[in-house]
C-alpha atoms as a PDB file:
ATOM      1  CA  UNK A   1      -6.218 104.719 -14.596  1.00  0.00           C
ATOM      2  CA  UNK A   2      -7.327 107.075 -17.946  1.00  0.00           C
ATOM      3  CA  UNK A   3      -7.163 105.658 -21.802  1.00  0.00           C
ATOM      4  CA  UNK A   4      -6.136 107.256 -24.025  1.00  0.00           C
ATOM      5  CA  UNK A   5      -7.621 106.561 -27.191  1.00  0.00           C
ATOM      6  CA  UNK A   6      -5.716 104.442 -29.806  1.00  0.00           C
ATOM      7  CA  UNK A   7      -4.243 102.360 -26.636  1.00  0.00           C
ATOM      8  CA  UNK A   8      -6.927  99.352 -27.448  1.00  0.00           C
ATOM      9  CA  UNK A   9      -4.863  99.270 -31.075  1.00  0.00           C
ATOM     10  CA  UNK A  10      -1.579  98.741 -29.728  1.00  0.00           C
ATOM     11  CA  UNK A  11      -2.931  96.071 -27.283  1.00  0.00           C
ATOM     12  CA  UNK A  12      -4.806  94.390 -29.760  1.00  0.00           C
ATOM     13  CA  UNK A  13      -1.572  95.001 -32.087  1.00  0.00           C
ATOM     14  CA  UNK A  14       0.378  93.535 -28.944  1.00  0.00           C
ATOM     15  CA  UNK A  15      -1.590  90.439 -28.442  1.00  0.00           C
ATOM     16  CA  UNK A  16      -1.572  89.582 -31.905  1.00  0.00           C
ATOM     17  CA  UNK A  17       1.915  89.808 -32.244  1.00  0.00           C
ATOM     18  CA  UNK A  18       2.769  87.172 -28.799  1.00  0.00           C
ATOM     19  CA  UNK A  19      -0.098  85.115 -31.340  1.00  0.00           C
ATOM     20  CA  UNK A  20      -3.008  83.518 -28.873  1.00  0.00           C
ATOM     21  CA  UNK A  21      -2.983  79.723 -28.103  1.00  0.00           C
ATOM     22  CA  UNK A  22      -6.599  79.513 -29.897  1.00  0.00           C
ATOM     23  CA  UNK A  23      -5.012  80.577 -33.421  1.00  0.00           C
ATOM     24  CA  UNK A  24      -1.649  78.474 -32.952  1.00  0.00           C
ATOM     25  CA  UNK A  25      -3.808  75.499 -32.433  1.00  0.00           C
ATOM     26  CA  UNK A  26      -6.212  76.324 -35.455  1.00  0.00           C
ATOM     27  CA  UNK A  27      -3.459  76.866 -37.631  1.00  0.00           C
ATOM     28  CA  UNK A  28      -1.839  73.461 -36.985  1.00  0.00           C
ATOM     29  CA  UNK A  29      -4.850  72.029 -37.507  1.00  0.00           C
ATOM     30  CA  UNK A  30      -5.620  74.095 -41.038  1.00  0.00           C
ATOM     31  CA  UNK A  31      -2.269  72.507 -41.793  1.00  0.00           C
ATOM     32  CA  UNK A  32      -2.376  68.971 -40.361  1.00  0.00           C
ATOM     33  CA  UNK A  33      -5.564  68.791 -42.510  1.00  0.00           C
ATOM     34  CA  UNK A  34      -3.955  70.180 -45.762  1.00  0.00           C
ATOM     35  CA  UNK A  35      -1.402  68.235 -45.760  1.00  0.00           C
ATOM     36  CA  UNK A  36      -3.175  64.738 -45.116  1.00  0.00           C
ATOM     37  CA  UNK A  37      -5.086  66.134 -47.776  1.00  0.00           C
ATOM     38  CA  UNK A  38      -2.436  66.291 -50.306  1.00  0.00           C
ATOM     39  CA  UNK A  39      -0.760  63.056 -48.945  1.00  0.00           C
ATOM     40  CA  UNK A  40      -4.237  61.498 -49.477  1.00  0.00           C
ATOM     41  CA  UNK A  41      -4.856  63.190 -52.805  1.00  0.00           C
ATOM     42  CA  UNK A  42      -0.793  61.853 -53.589  1.00  0.00           C
ATOM     43  CA  UNK A  43      -1.788  58.358 -53.213  1.00  0.00           C
ATOM     44  CA  UNK A  44      -4.870  58.410 -55.272  1.00  0.00           C
ATOM     45  CA  UNK A  45      -3.039  59.449 -58.816  1.00  0.00           C
ATOM     46  CA  UNK A  46      -0.105  57.213 -57.962  1.00  0.00           C
ATOM     47  CA  UNK A  47      -2.738  53.954 -57.116  1.00  0.00           C
ATOM     48  CA  UNK A  48      -2.623  50.932 -59.346  1.00  0.00           C
ATOM     49  CA  UNK A  49      -5.779  48.483 -59.974  1.00  0.00           C
ATOM     50  CA  UNK A  50      -3.440  46.149 -59.253  1.00  0.00           C
ATOM     51  CA  UNK A  51      -2.354  47.674 -55.900  1.00  0.00           C
ATOM     52  CA  UNK A  52      -6.053  47.913 -54.690  1.00  0.00           C
ATOM     53  CA  UNK A  53      -6.636  44.407 -55.541  1.00  0.00           C
ATOM     54  CA  UNK A  54      -3.704  43.474 -53.590  1.00  0.00           C
ATOM     55  CA  UNK A  55      -4.478  45.593 -50.537  1.00  0.00           C
ATOM     56  CA  UNK A  56      -8.301  44.208 -50.756  1.00  0.00           C
ATOM     57  CA  UNK A  57      -6.881  40.518 -50.348  1.00  0.00           C
ATOM     58  CA  UNK A  58      -4.968  41.521 -47.730  1.00  0.00           C
ATOM     59  CA  UNK A  59      -7.646  42.740 -45.638  1.00  0.00           C
ATOM     60  CA  UNK A  60      -9.999  39.660 -46.542  1.00  0.00           C
ATOM     61  CA  UNK A  61     -12.738  42.523 -47.088  1.00  0.00           C
ATOM     62  CA  UNK A  62     -15.391  41.629 -48.709  1.00  0.00           C
ATOM     63  CA  UNK A  63     -15.946  42.930 -52.382  1.00  0.00           C
ATOM     64  CA  UNK A  64     -17.580  42.820 -55.833  1.00  0.00           C
ATOM     65  CA  UNK A  65     -15.651  42.536 -58.619  1.00  0.00           C
ATOM     66  CA  UNK A  66     -16.639  43.045 -62.450  1.00  0.00           C
ATOM     67  CA  UNK A  67     -14.729  40.716 -64.873  1.00  0.00           C
ATOM     68  CA  UNK A  68     -15.988  41.914 -68.415  1.00  0.00           C
ATOM     69  CA  UNK A  69     -19.962  41.576 -68.184  1.00  0.00           C
ATOM     70  CA  UNK A  70     -19.687  39.186 -65.529  1.00  0.00           C
ATOM     71  CA  UNK A  71     -20.000  40.364 -61.977  1.00  0.00           C
ATOM     72  CA  UNK A  72     -18.005  38.490 -58.723  1.00  0.00           C
ATOM     73  CA  UNK A  73     -18.770  38.639 -55.079  1.00  0.00           C
ATOM     74  CA  UNK A  74     -16.491  37.139 -51.903  1.00  0.00           C
ATOM     75  CA  UNK A  75     -13.559  37.626 -50.379  1.00  0.00           C
ATOM     76  CA  UNK A  76     -10.309  37.658 -52.495  1.00  0.00           C
ATOM     77  CA  UNK A  77      -7.655  35.649 -51.068  1.00  0.00           C
ATOM     78  CA  UNK A  78      -4.706  36.131 -53.588  1.00  0.00           C
ATOM     79  CA  UNK A  79      -3.390  38.205 -56.132  1.00  0.00           C
ATOM     80  CA  UNK A  80      -0.806  38.034 -59.025  1.00  0.00           C
ATOM     81  CA  UNK A  81       0.161  40.748 -61.589  1.00  0.00           C
ATOM     82  CA  UNK A  82      -2.107  38.422 -64.252  1.00  0.00           C
ATOM     83  CA  UNK A  83      -4.626  36.688 -62.160  1.00  0.00           C
ATOM     84  CA  UNK A  84      -6.986  37.511 -58.711  1.00  0.00           C
ATOM     85  CA  UNK A  85      -8.233  34.466 -56.478  1.00  0.00           C
ATOM     86  CA  UNK A  86     -11.919  34.824 -55.605  1.00  0.00           C
ATOM     87  CA  UNK A  87     -14.155  33.283 -52.525  1.00  0.00           C
ATOM     88  CA  UNK A  88     -17.537  32.879 -52.208  1.00  0.00           C
ATOM     89  CA  UNK A  89     -19.710  30.296 -50.819  1.00  0.00           C
ATOM     90  CA  UNK A  90     -20.245  27.970 -53.155  1.00  0.00           C
ATOM     91  CA  UNK A  91     -17.180  29.003 -56.092  1.00  0.00           C
ATOM     92  CA  UNK A  92     -13.829  29.498 -56.697  1.00  0.00           C
ATOM     93  CA  UNK A  93     -13.414  32.539 -58.989  1.00  0.00           C
ATOM     94  CA  UNK A  94     -10.268  32.991 -60.981  1.00  0.00           C
ATOM     95  CA  UNK A  95     -10.230  36.547 -62.599  1.00  0.00           C
ATOM     96  CA  UNK A  96      -7.746  37.352 -64.949  1.00  0.00           C
ATOM     97  CA  UNK A  97      -6.621  40.670 -64.081  1.00  0.00           C
ATOM     98  CA  UNK A  98      -6.897  42.018 -67.458  1.00  0.00           C
ATOM     99  CA  UNK A  99     -10.415  42.063 -67.816  1.00  0.00           C
ATOM    100  CA  UNK A 100     -11.317  43.298 -64.424  1.00  0.00           C
ATOM    101  CA  UNK A 101     -13.355  46.732 -65.030  1.00  0.00           C
ATOM    102  CA  UNK A 102     -14.559  47.356 -61.604  1.00  0.00           C
ATOM    103  CA  UNK A 103     -13.894  46.957 -57.843  1.00  0.00           C
ATOM    104  CA  UNK A 104     -16.486  47.410 -55.280  1.00  0.00           C
ATOM    105  CA  UNK A 105     -15.365  47.756 -51.567  1.00  0.00           C
ATOM    106  CA  UNK A 106     -16.994  49.382 -48.252  1.00  0.00           C
ATOM    107  CA  UNK A 107     -14.608  51.443 -48.306  1.00  0.00           C
ATOM    108  CA  UNK A 108     -11.674  53.713 -50.295  1.00  0.00           C
ATOM    109  CA  UNK A 109      -8.386  51.805 -50.799  1.00  0.00           C
ATOM    110  CA  UNK A 110      -5.387  53.512 -52.480  1.00  0.00           C
ATOM    111  CA  UNK A 111      -2.107  51.289 -53.712  1.00  0.00           C
ATOM    112  CA  UNK A 112       0.298  51.773 -55.942  1.00  0.00           C
ATOM    113  CA  UNK A 113       2.108  48.096 -55.564  1.00  0.00           C
ATOM    114  CA  UNK A 114       2.549  45.872 -57.886  1.00  0.00           C
ATOM    115  CA  UNK A 115       1.295  42.011 -57.011  1.00  0.00           C
ATOM    116  CA  UNK A 116       4.165  40.093 -57.234  1.00  0.00           C
ATOM    117  CA  UNK A 117       4.707  37.961 -60.698  1.00  0.00           C
ATOM    118  CA  UNK A 118       2.869  34.288 -60.789  1.00  0.00           C
ATOM    119  CA  UNK A 119       0.734  31.783 -63.005  1.00  0.00           C
ATOM    120  CA  UNK A 120      -1.354  32.976 -64.981  1.00  0.00           C
ATOM    121  CA  UNK A 121      -4.911  31.711 -65.475  1.00  0.00           C
ATOM    122  CA  UNK A 122      -3.832  29.482 -68.945  1.00  0.00           C
ATOM    123  CA  UNK A 123      -1.049  27.555 -66.677  1.00  0.00           C
ATOM    124  CA  UNK A 124      -3.912  27.226 -63.763  1.00  0.00           C
ATOM    125  CA  UNK A 125      -6.748  25.312 -66.315  1.00  0.00           C
ATOM    126  CA  UNK A 126      -3.286  23.708 -67.627  1.00  0.00           C
ATOM    127  CA  UNK A 127      -2.404  22.357 -63.956  1.00  0.00           C
ATOM    128  CA  UNK A 128      -5.950  21.432 -62.829  1.00  0.00           C
ATOM    129  CA  UNK A 129      -7.310  19.882 -66.507  1.00  0.00           C
ATOM    130  CA  UNK A 130      -6.051  16.011 -65.590  1.00  0.00           C
ATOM    131  CA  UNK A 131      -8.118  16.191 -62.584  1.00  0.00           C
ATOM    132  CA  UNK A 132     -11.082  17.265 -65.184  1.00  0.00           C
ATOM    133  CA  UNK A 133     -12.889  19.589 -62.897  1.00  0.00           C
ATOM    134  CA  UNK A 134     -16.283  21.063 -63.614  1.00  0.00           C
ATOM    135  CA  UNK A 135     -15.811  24.425 -64.664  1.00  0.00           C
ATOM    136  CA  UNK A 136     -17.473  27.870 -65.838  1.00  0.00           C
ATOM    137  CA  UNK A 137     -15.270  29.630 -68.819  1.00  0.00           C
ATOM    138  CA  UNK A 138     -16.533  33.257 -68.882  1.00  0.00           C
ATOM    139  CA  UNK A 139     -15.471  34.825 -71.792  1.00  0.00           C
ATOM    140  CA  UNK A 140     -15.270  38.921 -72.324  1.00  0.00           C
ATOM    141  CA  UNK A 141     -18.404  38.816 -74.289  1.00  0.00           C
ATOM    142  CA  UNK A 142     -20.779  37.296 -72.221  1.00  0.00           C
ATOM    143  CA  UNK A 143     -20.276  33.781 -73.233  1.00  0.00           C
ATOM    144  CA  UNK A 144     -20.082  31.100 -70.722  1.00  0.00           C
ATOM    145  CA  UNK A 145     -19.321  28.102 -71.000  1.00  0.00           C
ATOM    146  CA  UNK A 146     -19.679  25.646 -68.315  1.00  0.00           C
ATOM    147  CA  UNK A 147     -18.510  21.739 -68.139  1.00  0.00           C
ATOM    148  CA  UNK A 148     -16.131  19.725 -67.231  1.00  0.00           C
ATOM    149  CA  UNK A 149     -12.229  20.702 -68.604  1.00  0.00           C
ATOM    150  CA  UNK A 150     -10.583  18.167 -70.882  1.00  0.00           C
ATOM    151  CA  UNK A 151      -7.603  19.462 -71.494  1.00  0.00           C
ATOM    152  CA  UNK A 152      -5.362  23.106 -72.327  1.00  0.00           C
ATOM    153  CA  UNK A 153      -3.389  23.941 -75.146  1.00  0.00           C
ATOM    154  CA  UNK A 154      -1.492  26.460 -76.699  1.00  0.00           C
ATOM    155  CA  UNK A 155      -4.309  28.750 -77.085  1.00  0.00           C
ATOM    156  CA  UNK A 156      -7.368  26.952 -76.756  1.00  0.00           C
ATOM    157  CA  UNK A 157      -9.367  24.786 -73.674  1.00  0.00           C
ATOM    158  CA  UNK A 158     -11.245  21.920 -74.618  1.00  0.00           C
ATOM    159  CA  UNK A 159     -14.528  21.694 -72.426  1.00  0.00           C
ATOM    160  CA  UNK A 160     -17.146  18.641 -72.416  1.00  0.00           C
ATOM    161  CA  UNK A 161     -20.218  19.879 -72.230  1.00  0.00           C
ATOM    162  CA  UNK A 162     -23.906  17.743 -71.993  1.00  0.00           C
ATOM    163  CA  UNK A 163     -23.437  16.070 -75.361  1.00  0.00           C
ATOM    164  CA  UNK A 164     -20.850  18.004 -77.445  1.00  0.00           C
ATOM    165  CA  UNK A 165     -16.945  18.974 -76.657  1.00  0.00           C
ATOM    166  CA  UNK A 166     -16.126  22.841 -76.893  1.00  0.00           C
ATOM    167  CA  UNK A 167     -12.930  24.421 -77.784  1.00  0.00           C
ATOM    168  CA  UNK A 168     -12.694  27.972 -76.450  1.00  0.00           C
ATOM    169  CA  UNK A 169      -9.470  30.407 -77.170  1.00  0.00           C
ATOM    170  CA  UNK A 170      -7.741  31.314 -73.994  1.00  0.00           C
ATOM    171  CA  UNK A 171      -7.244  34.770 -74.709  1.00  0.00           C
ATOM    172  CA  UNK A 172     -11.440  35.219 -74.908  1.00  0.00           C
ATOM    173  CA  UNK A 173     -11.123  34.427 -71.023  1.00  0.00           C
ATOM    174  CA  UNK A 174     -12.583  36.660 -68.175  1.00  0.00           C
ATOM    175  CA  UNK A 175     -12.282  34.507 -65.639  1.00  0.00           C
ATOM    176  CA  UNK A 176     -13.039  30.784 -64.641  1.00  0.00           C
ATOM    177  CA  UNK A 177     -15.342  29.672 -61.982  1.00  0.00           C
ATOM    178  CA  UNK A 178     -14.805  26.331 -60.249  1.00  0.00           C
ATOM    179  CA  UNK A 179     -17.776  25.440 -58.244  1.00  0.00           C
ATOM    180  CA  UNK A 180     -17.613  23.805 -54.645  1.00  0.00           C
ATOM    181  CA  UNK A 181     -17.858  20.217 -55.140  1.00  0.00           C
ATOM    182  CA  UNK A 182     -20.990  19.018 -54.501  1.00  0.00           C
ATOM    183  CA  UNK A 183     -22.703  23.259 -54.374  1.00  0.00           C
END
C-alpha cells in the first residue's frame, strides 16, 4: 500500500478524535487531583481552632498546645466551647480555649465544627474548691501560682501558698494544672 503525503495527519486526527485510553485516564486523574486540592483548600478556609481541638480529642493524638506563655503536651480528652482538658503522664491541664494560641500535631487537621457548650474554667474550679486540691494556676502574663485551692468567688480564686494566700483574678487564667496525686 502506498502512502500519500499528509495521510498521517488524517490518521492522527482520527485517533485524537477517538481519544486514547491513557489520555482519558490522565485527564481524569488530573481532574480528581484538582478537585481534591479544591476541597482541601475549602476545608482549610472554613476550619476553626475549636474544631481542630475537637478532632484531635476524638483521635486521641499526642499534641502540644500553647496556652498563653505555657506549653502543655499530652492527649486532649475533651473540648467544649470554653475549655479543653488535656491529660499527660503526671497531670491534667484545664486550658481556656480563648487562651490557646498554637496547636501542634503530627498531621494536618482541619475541622469547622463548634464544640458543645460546657462549663468554663471558673465553674470547674468552683466545683473543685471544696476538695481543696493542689493546683498550679497559670496566668496569661506568665505567672504561675502553685498551692492549694481554697475557694472561688465571682471574679477571683484564692490559693494557699507556703506562707501566704494569693488571690487570683479569674479572667487572667490561661490554664489550671491539677497534678496527679502523688506526682
